Protein backbone atom coordinates (compact mmCIF):
# COMPACT_ATOMS: atom_id res chain seq x y z
CA MET A 1 19.95 -32.52 -12.52
CA PRO A 2 17.21 -29.88 -11.68
CA SER A 3 13.86 -30.85 -12.36
CA LEU A 4 13.42 -28.43 -15.35
CA HIS A 5 12.21 -28.62 -19.06
CA ARG A 6 12.78 -25.55 -20.98
CA ASP A 7 12.14 -25.63 -24.52
CA THR A 8 11.69 -22.98 -27.50
CA PRO A 9 8.14 -23.20 -28.73
CA PRO A 10 7.37 -22.91 -32.24
CA PRO A 11 6.93 -18.99 -32.86
CA CYS A 12 3.33 -17.85 -33.62
CA PRO A 13 2.91 -15.63 -36.29
CA ALA A 14 1.47 -12.11 -36.48
CA PRO A 15 -1.37 -11.10 -37.21
CA PHE A 16 -2.89 -14.22 -35.69
CA ASN A 17 -6.76 -15.06 -35.35
CA MET A 18 -7.72 -18.41 -33.65
CA ALA A 19 -10.67 -19.13 -35.73
CA GLU A 20 -8.83 -18.07 -38.80
CA HIS A 21 -6.23 -20.59 -38.02
CA VAL A 22 -8.65 -23.50 -37.22
CA MET A 23 -10.07 -23.34 -40.47
CA GLN A 24 -6.82 -22.60 -42.59
CA ALA A 25 -5.97 -26.33 -43.27
CA GLY A 26 -9.49 -27.34 -44.32
CA ARG A 27 -9.42 -24.63 -47.05
CA ALA A 28 -7.31 -26.79 -49.20
CA THR A 29 -9.83 -29.76 -49.19
CA PRO A 30 -13.56 -27.40 -48.90
CA ASP A 31 -15.59 -30.58 -49.88
CA ARG A 32 -14.01 -32.86 -47.29
CA THR A 33 -15.90 -33.92 -44.38
CA ALA A 34 -15.00 -31.92 -41.19
CA LEU A 35 -17.83 -32.96 -38.75
CA GLU A 36 -20.04 -35.78 -38.14
CA ILE A 37 -22.75 -35.19 -35.70
CA VAL A 38 -24.28 -38.73 -34.46
CA GLU A 39 -27.74 -38.86 -32.49
CA THR A 40 -27.90 -42.63 -32.77
CA PRO A 41 -24.70 -44.96 -33.34
CA GLY A 42 -24.69 -46.16 -36.94
CA THR A 43 -26.29 -43.23 -38.42
CA VAL A 44 -24.92 -39.39 -39.12
CA ALA A 45 -27.60 -36.78 -38.22
CA GLU A 46 -25.68 -33.97 -39.76
CA ARG A 47 -22.54 -33.83 -41.76
CA TRP A 48 -20.50 -30.66 -42.28
CA THR A 49 -17.67 -30.19 -45.09
CA PHE A 50 -14.94 -27.76 -44.15
CA GLY A 51 -16.31 -25.48 -46.78
CA GLU A 52 -19.77 -25.26 -45.09
CA LEU A 53 -18.35 -24.86 -41.63
CA ASP A 54 -15.92 -22.14 -42.91
CA THR A 55 -19.05 -20.08 -44.45
CA ALA A 56 -21.25 -20.84 -41.17
CA ILE A 57 -18.60 -19.61 -38.74
CA GLY A 58 -18.32 -16.28 -41.11
CA ARG A 59 -22.18 -16.13 -40.93
CA ALA A 60 -22.27 -16.19 -37.26
CA ALA A 61 -19.50 -13.53 -37.13
CA GLY A 62 -21.53 -11.50 -39.63
CA ALA A 63 -24.59 -11.79 -37.23
CA LEU A 64 -22.84 -11.06 -34.30
CA GLY A 65 -21.31 -7.65 -35.79
CA ALA A 66 -24.97 -6.83 -36.84
CA ALA A 67 -26.52 -7.50 -33.64
CA GLY A 68 -23.91 -5.21 -32.13
CA VAL A 69 -21.08 -7.18 -31.04
CA ALA A 70 -17.76 -5.34 -31.36
CA ARG A 71 -14.33 -6.30 -31.33
CA GLY A 72 -12.93 -7.08 -27.90
CA ASP A 73 -16.41 -7.28 -26.54
CA ARG A 74 -17.15 -10.60 -24.46
CA VAL A 75 -19.89 -12.90 -25.71
CA ALA A 76 -21.30 -15.58 -23.14
CA LEU A 77 -22.38 -18.80 -25.01
CA ARG A 78 -25.30 -20.57 -23.10
CA LEU A 79 -25.61 -23.09 -25.49
CA GLY A 80 -26.61 -26.87 -25.34
CA ASN A 81 -24.99 -29.62 -27.21
CA SER A 82 -25.25 -28.91 -30.33
CA VAL A 83 -23.01 -27.33 -33.39
CA ASP A 84 -24.48 -23.91 -32.45
CA PHE A 85 -21.69 -23.94 -29.76
CA PRO A 86 -18.43 -23.92 -32.11
CA LEU A 87 -20.23 -21.69 -34.81
CA ALA A 88 -20.71 -19.27 -32.10
CA PHE A 89 -17.45 -19.55 -30.40
CA PHE A 90 -15.33 -19.35 -33.67
CA GLY A 91 -17.65 -16.71 -35.09
CA ALA A 92 -17.24 -14.27 -32.28
CA GLN A 93 -13.27 -14.95 -32.65
CA ARG A 94 -13.63 -14.19 -36.36
CA LEU A 95 -15.12 -10.90 -35.37
CA GLY A 96 -12.45 -10.11 -33.04
CA ALA A 97 -14.83 -10.58 -30.04
CA VAL A 98 -14.12 -12.69 -26.82
CA PRO A 99 -16.59 -15.73 -26.65
CA VAL A 100 -16.91 -17.25 -23.01
CA ALA A 101 -17.68 -21.09 -22.89
CA LEU A 102 -20.41 -21.66 -19.96
CA SER A 103 -21.40 -25.26 -19.13
CA ALA A 104 -25.14 -26.09 -20.20
CA GLN A 105 -25.20 -27.99 -16.75
CA LEU A 106 -24.81 -24.70 -14.68
CA THR A 107 -27.77 -23.50 -12.78
CA ALA A 108 -29.20 -19.82 -13.01
CA ALA A 109 -27.96 -19.44 -9.26
CA GLU A 110 -24.54 -20.38 -10.25
CA LEU A 111 -24.43 -18.29 -13.13
CA ALA A 112 -25.43 -15.15 -11.77
CA PRO A 113 -22.33 -14.14 -10.01
CA MET A 114 -20.13 -15.35 -12.82
CA LEU A 115 -21.77 -13.20 -15.18
CA ALA A 116 -21.68 -10.37 -12.75
CA ASP A 117 -18.11 -10.69 -13.05
CA LEU A 118 -17.67 -11.37 -16.41
CA GLN A 119 -19.93 -8.34 -17.56
CA PRO A 120 -20.76 -9.32 -21.10
CA SER A 121 -22.06 -7.28 -23.97
CA HIS A 122 -24.23 -10.12 -25.32
CA VAL A 123 -25.56 -13.68 -24.73
CA VAL A 124 -26.34 -16.30 -27.21
CA ARG A 125 -28.71 -18.56 -25.41
CA ASP A 126 -30.35 -21.67 -26.06
CA PRO A 127 -34.03 -21.11 -25.31
CA ASP A 128 -34.37 -24.21 -23.14
CA LEU A 129 -31.52 -23.14 -20.75
CA PRO A 130 -32.23 -20.90 -17.97
CA LEU A 131 -30.50 -17.42 -17.25
CA PRO A 132 -30.58 -15.09 -14.26
CA PRO A 133 -32.17 -11.65 -14.82
CA LEU A 134 -29.82 -9.58 -17.55
CA ASP A 135 -30.32 -6.20 -18.84
CA ILE A 136 -28.24 -6.90 -22.33
CA PRO A 137 -29.14 -8.47 -25.66
CA ILE A 138 -30.02 -12.20 -25.92
CA LEU A 139 -29.48 -13.63 -29.33
CA ASP A 140 -31.01 -16.84 -30.40
CA PRO A 141 -28.09 -19.02 -32.03
CA ALA A 142 -30.51 -19.86 -34.88
CA ALA A 143 -30.26 -16.02 -36.14
CA LEU A 144 -26.30 -16.80 -36.33
CA ARG A 145 -27.06 -18.90 -39.18
CA THR A 146 -28.36 -15.96 -41.41
CA GLY A 147 -25.81 -13.44 -41.12
CA ASP A 148 -23.48 -12.40 -44.01
CA ASP A 149 -20.27 -14.19 -44.51
CA ILE A 150 -17.42 -11.86 -43.27
CA PRO A 151 -13.51 -12.35 -43.28
CA ALA A 152 -11.68 -12.69 -40.19
CA VAL A 153 -10.29 -9.61 -38.45
CA GLU A 154 -6.63 -9.07 -37.98
CA THR A 155 -5.71 -9.95 -34.30
CA ARG A 156 -2.51 -10.04 -32.48
CA PRO A 157 -1.38 -13.28 -30.78
CA ASP A 158 -1.68 -11.67 -27.11
CA ASP A 159 -5.28 -10.29 -27.82
CA PRO A 160 -7.66 -12.07 -25.67
CA ALA A 161 -9.53 -14.86 -27.72
CA TYR A 162 -11.58 -16.63 -25.54
CA ILE A 163 -12.51 -17.32 -21.50
CA VAL A 164 -13.28 -20.32 -19.73
CA PHE A 165 -14.31 -20.76 -16.16
CA THR A 166 -12.63 -22.75 -13.52
CA SER A 167 -13.07 -23.51 -9.72
CA GLY A 168 -10.62 -22.31 -7.44
CA SER A 169 -10.01 -23.50 -3.90
CA SER A 170 -11.80 -20.44 -2.55
CA GLY A 171 -15.05 -22.09 -4.37
CA ARG A 172 -15.79 -18.98 -6.67
CA PRO A 173 -15.34 -19.99 -10.28
CA ARG A 174 -12.63 -17.80 -11.87
CA ALA A 175 -12.73 -16.38 -15.42
CA VAL A 176 -9.41 -17.70 -17.41
CA VAL A 177 -8.37 -15.49 -20.12
CA HIS A 178 -6.57 -17.25 -23.02
CA ALA A 179 -5.12 -15.46 -26.11
CA HIS A 180 -5.42 -16.24 -29.68
CA ARG A 181 -1.86 -17.61 -29.48
CA ALA A 182 -3.04 -20.43 -27.32
CA ALA A 183 -4.41 -22.32 -30.36
CA HIS A 184 -1.06 -22.08 -32.34
CA ALA A 185 0.41 -23.70 -28.85
CA ARG A 186 -1.83 -26.57 -29.02
CA ARG A 187 0.22 -27.41 -32.04
CA MET A 188 2.78 -29.04 -29.33
CA MET A 189 0.05 -31.49 -28.58
CA TRP A 190 -0.18 -32.65 -32.21
CA HIS A 191 2.87 -35.05 -32.06
CA ASP A 192 3.56 -35.33 -28.20
CA TRP A 193 -0.18 -36.47 -27.14
CA TYR A 194 -2.41 -36.86 -30.18
CA GLY A 195 0.15 -38.50 -32.95
CA LEU A 196 -2.55 -36.16 -35.21
CA THR A 197 -2.37 -36.47 -38.87
CA PRO A 198 -4.77 -35.02 -41.63
CA SER A 199 -6.10 -38.54 -42.40
CA ASP A 200 -7.57 -38.98 -38.44
CA ARG A 201 -11.01 -39.18 -37.59
CA MET A 202 -11.21 -38.24 -33.74
CA LEU A 203 -14.22 -39.33 -31.74
CA HIS A 204 -14.60 -37.36 -28.62
CA ALA A 205 -16.96 -38.82 -25.95
CA GLY A 206 -17.66 -35.30 -24.75
CA ALA A 207 -20.39 -32.66 -25.43
CA PHE A 208 -19.80 -29.61 -27.91
CA ASN A 209 -19.76 -27.09 -25.12
CA TRP A 210 -17.07 -28.96 -22.85
CA THR A 211 -13.85 -27.24 -23.00
CA PHE A 212 -11.94 -30.77 -23.21
CA THR A 213 -14.18 -31.66 -26.45
CA LEU A 214 -13.98 -27.74 -27.75
CA GLY A 215 -10.23 -28.30 -27.88
CA THR A 216 -9.26 -31.99 -28.29
CA GLY A 217 -12.42 -33.09 -30.14
CA LEU A 218 -12.71 -29.87 -32.68
CA THR A 219 -10.04 -27.34 -32.35
CA ASP A 220 -7.03 -29.35 -33.02
CA PRO A 221 -8.54 -32.06 -35.69
CA TRP A 222 -10.15 -28.97 -37.96
CA ALA A 223 -6.54 -26.96 -37.59
CA ALA A 224 -5.00 -30.13 -38.91
CA GLY A 225 -7.28 -30.60 -41.61
CA ALA A 226 -8.57 -33.57 -39.88
CA GLN A 227 -12.18 -34.94 -39.27
CA ALA A 228 -14.28 -34.68 -36.06
CA ILE A 229 -17.12 -36.67 -34.92
CA ILE A 230 -19.30 -35.87 -31.73
CA TYR A 231 -22.25 -37.74 -30.39
CA THR A 232 -25.10 -35.98 -28.91
CA GLY A 233 -27.79 -38.82 -28.11
CA PRO A 234 -28.46 -40.55 -24.75
CA VAL A 235 -25.54 -42.72 -23.36
CA GLU A 236 -26.22 -46.25 -22.53
CA ALA A 237 -23.54 -48.99 -21.34
CA ASP A 238 -22.71 -49.84 -24.96
CA THR A 239 -22.97 -46.57 -26.57
CA HIS A 240 -19.36 -45.58 -27.26
CA VAL A 241 -18.29 -49.12 -28.20
CA ARG A 242 -21.09 -49.17 -30.52
CA LEU A 243 -19.95 -45.68 -31.79
CA ILE A 244 -16.41 -46.72 -32.76
CA ALA A 245 -17.64 -50.07 -34.27
CA GLU A 246 -20.00 -48.16 -36.45
CA HIS A 247 -18.27 -44.96 -37.10
CA ALA A 248 -14.46 -46.08 -37.39
CA PRO A 249 -12.84 -43.20 -35.59
CA THR A 250 -9.12 -43.51 -35.54
CA ILE A 251 -8.34 -41.86 -32.17
CA PHE A 252 -10.80 -41.90 -29.40
CA ALA A 253 -10.71 -39.17 -26.38
CA ALA A 254 -12.51 -39.86 -23.12
CA VAL A 255 -12.04 -39.50 -19.22
CA PRO A 256 -10.67 -42.77 -17.64
CA GLY A 257 -14.02 -43.61 -16.06
CA LEU A 258 -15.57 -44.00 -19.74
CA TYR A 259 -12.65 -46.46 -20.77
CA ARG A 260 -13.25 -48.63 -17.32
CA ARG A 261 -16.86 -48.91 -18.41
CA MET A 262 -16.09 -49.59 -21.80
CA LEU A 263 -14.14 -52.32 -20.83
CA ARG A 264 -17.21 -54.42 -19.67
CA GLN A 265 -18.39 -54.98 -23.16
CA PRO A 266 -17.78 -58.53 -24.49
CA ASN A 267 -17.21 -57.27 -28.04
CA LEU A 268 -14.52 -54.72 -27.30
CA ALA A 269 -11.70 -55.91 -29.02
CA ALA A 270 -13.77 -56.43 -32.43
CA ALA A 271 -15.44 -53.07 -32.21
CA THR A 272 -12.24 -51.01 -31.51
CA ARG A 273 -10.29 -52.29 -34.60
CA SER A 274 -10.32 -49.08 -36.23
CA LEU A 275 -8.50 -47.34 -33.29
CA ARG A 276 -4.73 -46.26 -33.57
CA HIS A 277 -5.08 -45.41 -29.74
CA GLY A 278 -7.00 -43.59 -27.46
CA LEU A 279 -6.46 -40.38 -25.23
CA SER A 280 -7.49 -40.01 -21.50
CA ALA A 281 -7.49 -36.70 -19.55
CA GLY A 282 -9.42 -35.04 -17.12
CA GLU A 283 -8.26 -37.27 -13.94
CA ALA A 284 -5.48 -39.40 -13.16
CA LEU A 285 -5.45 -42.82 -15.40
CA ALA A 286 -4.68 -45.81 -13.15
CA PRO A 287 -1.97 -47.82 -14.41
CA SER A 288 -4.08 -51.16 -13.92
CA LEU A 289 -6.83 -49.56 -16.23
CA ARG A 290 -4.15 -48.49 -19.02
CA ALA A 291 -2.90 -52.24 -18.80
CA ALA A 292 -6.30 -53.68 -19.16
CA TRP A 293 -7.31 -51.57 -22.18
CA ARG A 294 -3.97 -52.69 -23.82
CA GLN A 295 -4.71 -56.14 -23.08
CA ALA A 296 -8.35 -56.07 -24.31
CA THR A 297 -8.09 -54.19 -27.56
CA GLY A 298 -4.19 -54.18 -28.40
CA THR A 299 -3.98 -50.43 -28.41
CA ASP A 300 -2.49 -48.16 -25.74
CA LEU A 301 -3.97 -45.03 -23.60
CA HIS A 302 -2.12 -41.89 -24.09
CA GLU A 303 -2.64 -39.75 -20.83
CA ALA A 304 -2.23 -35.97 -20.61
CA LEU A 305 -2.17 -33.73 -17.55
CA GLY A 306 -3.50 -30.06 -18.11
CA MET A 307 -5.71 -27.45 -16.68
CA SER A 308 -8.29 -24.89 -17.68
CA GLU A 309 -5.32 -22.28 -17.39
CA VAL A 310 -2.90 -23.99 -19.81
CA SER A 311 -4.67 -26.97 -21.50
CA THR A 312 -2.35 -30.01 -21.65
CA TYR A 313 1.41 -29.66 -21.37
CA ILE A 314 2.42 -33.20 -20.02
CA SER A 315 1.58 -36.05 -21.99
CA SER A 316 2.62 -39.74 -23.59
CA SER A 317 2.19 -40.13 -27.35
CA PRO A 318 2.62 -43.13 -29.75
CA ASP A 319 6.16 -42.00 -30.18
CA ARG A 320 6.97 -41.70 -26.46
CA PRO A 321 4.87 -44.06 -24.57
CA ALA A 322 4.84 -42.96 -20.87
CA PRO A 323 6.99 -45.40 -18.64
CA GLU A 324 4.92 -47.52 -16.01
CA GLY A 325 3.21 -45.57 -13.37
CA ALA A 326 4.23 -41.81 -15.06
CA THR A 327 1.52 -39.53 -16.62
CA GLY A 328 4.34 -38.49 -19.61
CA CYS A 329 6.77 -36.07 -20.20
CA PRO A 330 6.73 -32.33 -20.84
CA GLN A 331 5.67 -31.47 -24.61
CA THR A 332 8.48 -30.29 -26.66
CA GLY A 333 8.46 -26.44 -26.44
CA ARG A 334 7.10 -26.27 -23.11
CA GLN A 335 8.36 -24.26 -20.23
CA VAL A 336 7.85 -26.49 -16.94
CA ALA A 337 9.62 -27.22 -13.61
CA VAL A 338 9.03 -29.16 -10.42
CA LEU A 339 9.60 -26.23 -7.79
CA GLY A 340 10.15 -26.10 -4.07
CA GLU A 341 8.91 -23.68 -1.36
CA ASP A 342 11.81 -21.41 -2.44
CA ASP A 343 10.61 -21.34 -6.40
CA GLN A 344 13.46 -23.11 -7.32
CA PRO A 345 13.62 -26.19 -9.17
CA LEU A 346 13.81 -29.22 -7.05
CA PRO A 347 16.39 -32.04 -7.91
CA ARG A 348 14.88 -34.83 -10.19
CA GLY A 349 13.42 -37.58 -8.26
CA GLU A 350 12.00 -35.13 -5.53
CA ALA A 351 8.09 -34.16 -5.11
CA GLY A 352 7.37 -30.78 -5.65
CA GLU A 353 4.44 -28.45 -7.30
CA LEU A 354 4.41 -28.58 -10.73
CA ALA A 355 4.82 -25.10 -12.34
CA VAL A 356 4.63 -23.35 -16.06
CA HIS A 357 6.71 -20.58 -16.91
CA ARG A 358 4.91 -17.40 -17.67
CA SER A 359 6.93 -17.36 -21.29
CA ASP A 360 4.83 -20.67 -22.24
CA PRO A 361 2.43 -19.59 -25.19
CA GLY A 362 -0.14 -22.08 -24.14
CA LEU A 363 -0.43 -20.48 -20.66
CA MET A 364 -3.38 -18.04 -19.85
CA LEU A 365 -3.20 -14.20 -20.00
CA GLY A 366 -4.25 -14.13 -16.60
CA TYR A 367 -7.45 -14.28 -14.57
CA LEU A 368 -10.23 -11.82 -15.57
CA GLY A 369 -9.40 -8.84 -12.85
CA GLY A 370 -6.23 -10.49 -11.50
CA ASP A 371 -2.91 -9.66 -10.89
CA PRO A 372 -0.25 -10.01 -13.54
CA LEU A 373 1.16 -13.54 -13.80
CA PRO A 374 4.16 -14.47 -11.65
CA GLU A 375 7.58 -15.73 -13.11
CA TRP A 376 6.08 -19.32 -12.34
CA PHE A 377 2.45 -20.23 -12.51
CA ARG A 378 2.06 -22.88 -9.65
CA THR A 379 -0.51 -25.38 -10.94
CA GLY A 380 -1.37 -26.86 -7.55
CA ASP A 381 -0.17 -30.40 -8.86
CA ARG A 382 2.15 -32.42 -6.51
CA VAL A 383 4.64 -34.17 -8.94
CA GLU A 384 8.00 -35.64 -9.25
CA MET A 385 9.98 -35.67 -12.46
CA GLY A 386 12.29 -38.76 -12.94
CA ALA A 387 15.89 -38.77 -14.13
CA ASP A 388 14.21 -39.71 -17.87
CA GLY A 389 12.14 -36.32 -17.67
CA ALA A 390 9.01 -38.29 -16.95
CA ILE A 391 6.34 -36.60 -14.63
CA ARG A 392 4.63 -38.89 -12.02
CA TYR A 393 1.49 -37.52 -10.79
CA LEU A 394 0.88 -37.25 -7.05
CA GLY A 395 -2.09 -35.61 -6.26
CA ARG A 396 -3.16 -31.93 -5.43
CA LEU A 397 -1.63 -29.72 -2.92
CA ASP A 398 -4.96 -27.84 -2.49
CA ASP A 399 -8.57 -29.00 -1.79
CA LEU A 400 -9.85 -29.07 -5.34
CA MET A 401 -11.06 -32.61 -6.52
CA THR A 402 -11.18 -34.36 -9.68
CA VAL A 403 -14.21 -36.44 -10.12
CA GLY A 404 -15.49 -37.73 -13.66
CA GLY A 405 -13.21 -35.12 -15.50
CA TYR A 406 -14.23 -32.34 -13.62
CA ARG A 407 -12.19 -30.23 -11.25
CA ILE A 408 -14.66 -29.52 -8.13
CA SER A 409 -14.07 -26.96 -5.40
CA PRO A 410 -15.59 -28.91 -2.11
CA LEU A 411 -15.98 -25.31 -0.49
CA GLU A 412 -18.66 -24.65 -3.49
CA VAL A 413 -20.41 -27.73 -2.68
CA GLU A 414 -20.49 -27.42 0.90
CA GLN A 415 -21.90 -23.72 0.66
CA ALA A 416 -24.66 -25.17 -1.40
CA LEU A 417 -25.32 -27.85 0.98
CA THR A 418 -25.66 -25.78 4.07
CA ALA A 419 -28.05 -23.52 2.13
CA CYS A 420 -30.46 -26.24 2.10
CA ASP A 421 -32.96 -26.71 4.69
CA GLY A 422 -32.40 -29.07 7.53
CA VAL A 423 -28.10 -28.87 6.80
CA ALA A 424 -26.30 -27.22 9.49
CA GLU A 425 -22.81 -28.03 8.48
CA ALA A 426 -21.26 -30.21 5.65
CA GLY A 427 -17.94 -31.41 4.53
CA VAL A 428 -17.33 -32.95 0.74
CA CYS A 429 -14.42 -35.02 -0.49
CA ALA A 430 -13.75 -37.38 -3.09
CA ILE A 431 -13.98 -41.22 -2.37
CA ARG A 432 -11.79 -43.62 -4.17
CA LEU A 433 -14.00 -46.78 -4.53
CA SER A 434 -11.20 -48.35 -6.91
CA ASP A 435 -7.63 -47.30 -8.45
CA ASP A 436 -9.85 -46.07 -11.46
CA LEU A 437 -13.02 -44.89 -9.91
CA SER A 438 -13.92 -42.11 -7.62
CA ILE A 439 -17.16 -40.51 -6.29
CA LEU A 440 -18.10 -37.23 -4.56
CA ALA A 441 -19.26 -37.66 -1.19
CA ALA A 442 -21.03 -35.20 1.30
CA PHE A 443 -21.26 -35.66 5.02
CA LEU A 444 -24.12 -33.62 6.49
CA ILE A 445 -24.65 -32.49 10.31
CA GLY A 446 -28.45 -31.49 10.73
CA THR A 447 -31.82 -32.90 10.41
CA PRO A 448 -31.77 -36.04 7.97
CA ARG A 449 -33.82 -35.45 4.96
CA ASP A 450 -33.57 -35.36 1.14
CA VAL A 451 -31.70 -32.59 -0.14
CA SER A 452 -31.45 -33.70 -3.82
CA GLU A 453 -33.98 -31.16 -5.01
CA ASP A 454 -32.62 -28.44 -3.32
CA LEU A 455 -29.32 -29.08 -4.90
CA ALA A 456 -30.80 -29.40 -8.14
CA ALA A 457 -31.43 -25.72 -8.18
CA ARG A 458 -28.32 -24.70 -6.62
CA LEU A 459 -25.63 -26.78 -8.54
CA ALA A 460 -24.55 -28.44 -11.90
CA SER A 461 -25.22 -32.26 -12.06
CA TYR A 462 -21.68 -32.87 -12.02
CA LYS A 463 -21.12 -31.20 -8.67
CA ARG A 464 -24.07 -33.02 -6.68
CA PRO A 465 -22.60 -35.76 -4.35
CA ARG A 466 -23.46 -39.18 -5.47
CA HIS A 467 -23.21 -40.22 -1.76
CA ILE A 468 -24.82 -38.32 0.92
CA GLN A 469 -24.64 -39.38 4.35
CA TRP A 470 -25.58 -37.62 7.63
CA VAL A 471 -23.31 -37.82 10.77
CA ALA A 472 -23.11 -36.86 14.10
CA ASP A 473 -19.96 -34.74 14.03
CA LEU A 474 -17.35 -33.98 11.42
CA PRO A 475 -13.60 -34.30 12.21
CA ARG A 476 -12.02 -31.11 12.81
CA GLY A 477 -8.41 -29.65 13.32
CA ALA A 478 -6.97 -28.21 16.79
CA THR A 479 -8.45 -24.97 15.73
CA GLY A 480 -11.93 -26.53 15.03
CA LYS A 481 -11.33 -26.20 11.41
CA LEU A 482 -12.91 -28.89 9.13
CA ASN A 483 -10.25 -31.37 8.22
CA ARG A 484 -11.62 -32.68 4.81
CA ARG A 485 -8.52 -35.23 4.76
CA ALA A 486 -10.19 -37.19 7.57
CA LEU A 487 -13.55 -37.30 5.84
CA PRO A 488 -13.35 -40.62 3.76
CA ALA A 489 -12.72 -42.41 7.16
CA LEU A 490 -16.34 -41.65 7.64
CA TYR A 491 -17.54 -43.42 4.46
CA ASP A 492 -20.44 -46.03 4.97
CA PRO A 493 -21.20 -47.35 1.48
CA LYS A 494 -24.88 -47.58 3.15
CA GLY A 495 -25.08 -43.88 3.60
CA ALA A 496 -26.06 -44.75 7.44
CA PRO A 497 -26.68 -41.72 9.48
C-alpha cells in the first residue's frame, strides 16, 4: 500500500472572507466572553465579548481604510503582545487588505530586508518597537480603535488573506502568502487535533503576535464560538500551572519544553483538573514526555506536525490518540504523501519526505515573488507512514533546526555571528540535552570575546545561541565545506575554548 492519504476536503463557500468567518459563530452569542487577557494569574485585565470584538475589528478596518489602506494592500504589523495585534490583523482582512505578521522580537536590522521584499503600503507599529527607515505611512495602533465600524468586503477563497515569514535553508526569511480559504481549511483540525467545541476555553501559552497563537489560540476558538485566554505578564517557573488552576481552561496549547517545565511543579495534578487535554506543536514531542504528563495529570497530550506554509495537517486527537512513537495521522480531508526521490509515494513503512498536494486548501498560495507550486509541496520533514496510516517523524532533511518551538536557519545565525568583531568563522547546530530538550549552540573561530551585545542588535532573542564555544577548528567535508552534522561532537557544557 502506498504512503498516500487523499481525502476530499470540506468545500469552502464563496465569497469567503477570513475575518468574517472568524466572527460569524460569535454573533449568535454577542454577550458571551470571547477573550480574557491575563496579566497576573488569578485576575483578568481585559475581558472582551464576541460583540465587542466584532465591533472593534470593524472599527480597525474603518480606520485602516480612512488612512488610505486599499483592498489588496500589504499592511505590516509591528506590534507587541497585546490585543492590538488581532484587531489590526482581522481588521485588515475585513477591509480586503493583506496583513503581514512580524515577530516583535526581530531587530530593525533583521526587518530591513524583509520589508524591502514585502513592499507594504503601511505599517501598524507599536511605538516601543524599532523599525528601519521607511518612506511609507506608519500608523499608531491606538488610532485603530476609533474608526467607523464597517462590514467585511466580499473576497474570494483564493484571494491573498495574510502573510507570515519563515526561514529557509538559505538563511533568508521567505514571505509565505496564504489565501482566505486557509481559515476554512483549519476546520479539519477542530476534530482531528483539538477536539474543539463551543464550550471550550482555550489557553495558549504564546504571545498574541506568534503565528501559533494566532491560529490555535485565537482564530480557531473564535471561529468555533469558543473562548480564548491569553497571558501577557512575566513568566516564572510556576506561571502556567497557576494560570490553569486560576482560570480553568479546558484545553491548553504549548510547545513541548513548557510541558516539561510544568512537570516539575508539585501541585500539577490538582491545578490541571479543568483540562480535558493538552495540545503540543512547534517541535517533536518525546514519547517519554507524553507518558510523564499522562501519569502526572491523567490527561493526554495531542501532537500536531505543521509548518508556516500549511499550518498543521498531521495530528493526534482525543478520538484518535497517536500510536506510541508516532505524531499522529493525516487529518480528514488532507492531501499528503511520503515521497521518494522520483516524486512517487513510497510503500508504507519506508522513510521518505512528507509532502502536501497543491490541491490541499490549507496549503499556501506560494512564496511572495516565487514560482508556482509544484504538484507536491515537499516539506523537508523525513517521516515514515505505518500500515495504519500513522506518521512517525524522523527529523529534517535540510539544515533547518527546531528549538523552543521556532524553526531557525543555522546559516542566518552563522552570518550574524561572523559579522561580530573577533569572529572569523562560525558553525551553529542544535544540541539535544535530553529526549525533550534542545538548545542552540554556536562554535566560533577567532579571538574569544563576549559577542552577546553584538548579537542582540542583529538577531531576535530566540535565534541567539544559548551555548557559545570558541574552538580551534570546525569540522569540514572533503571539499572544505562546514559539516554541521559533526558539530555536536564538539560540544563542551563548560563552553571551554
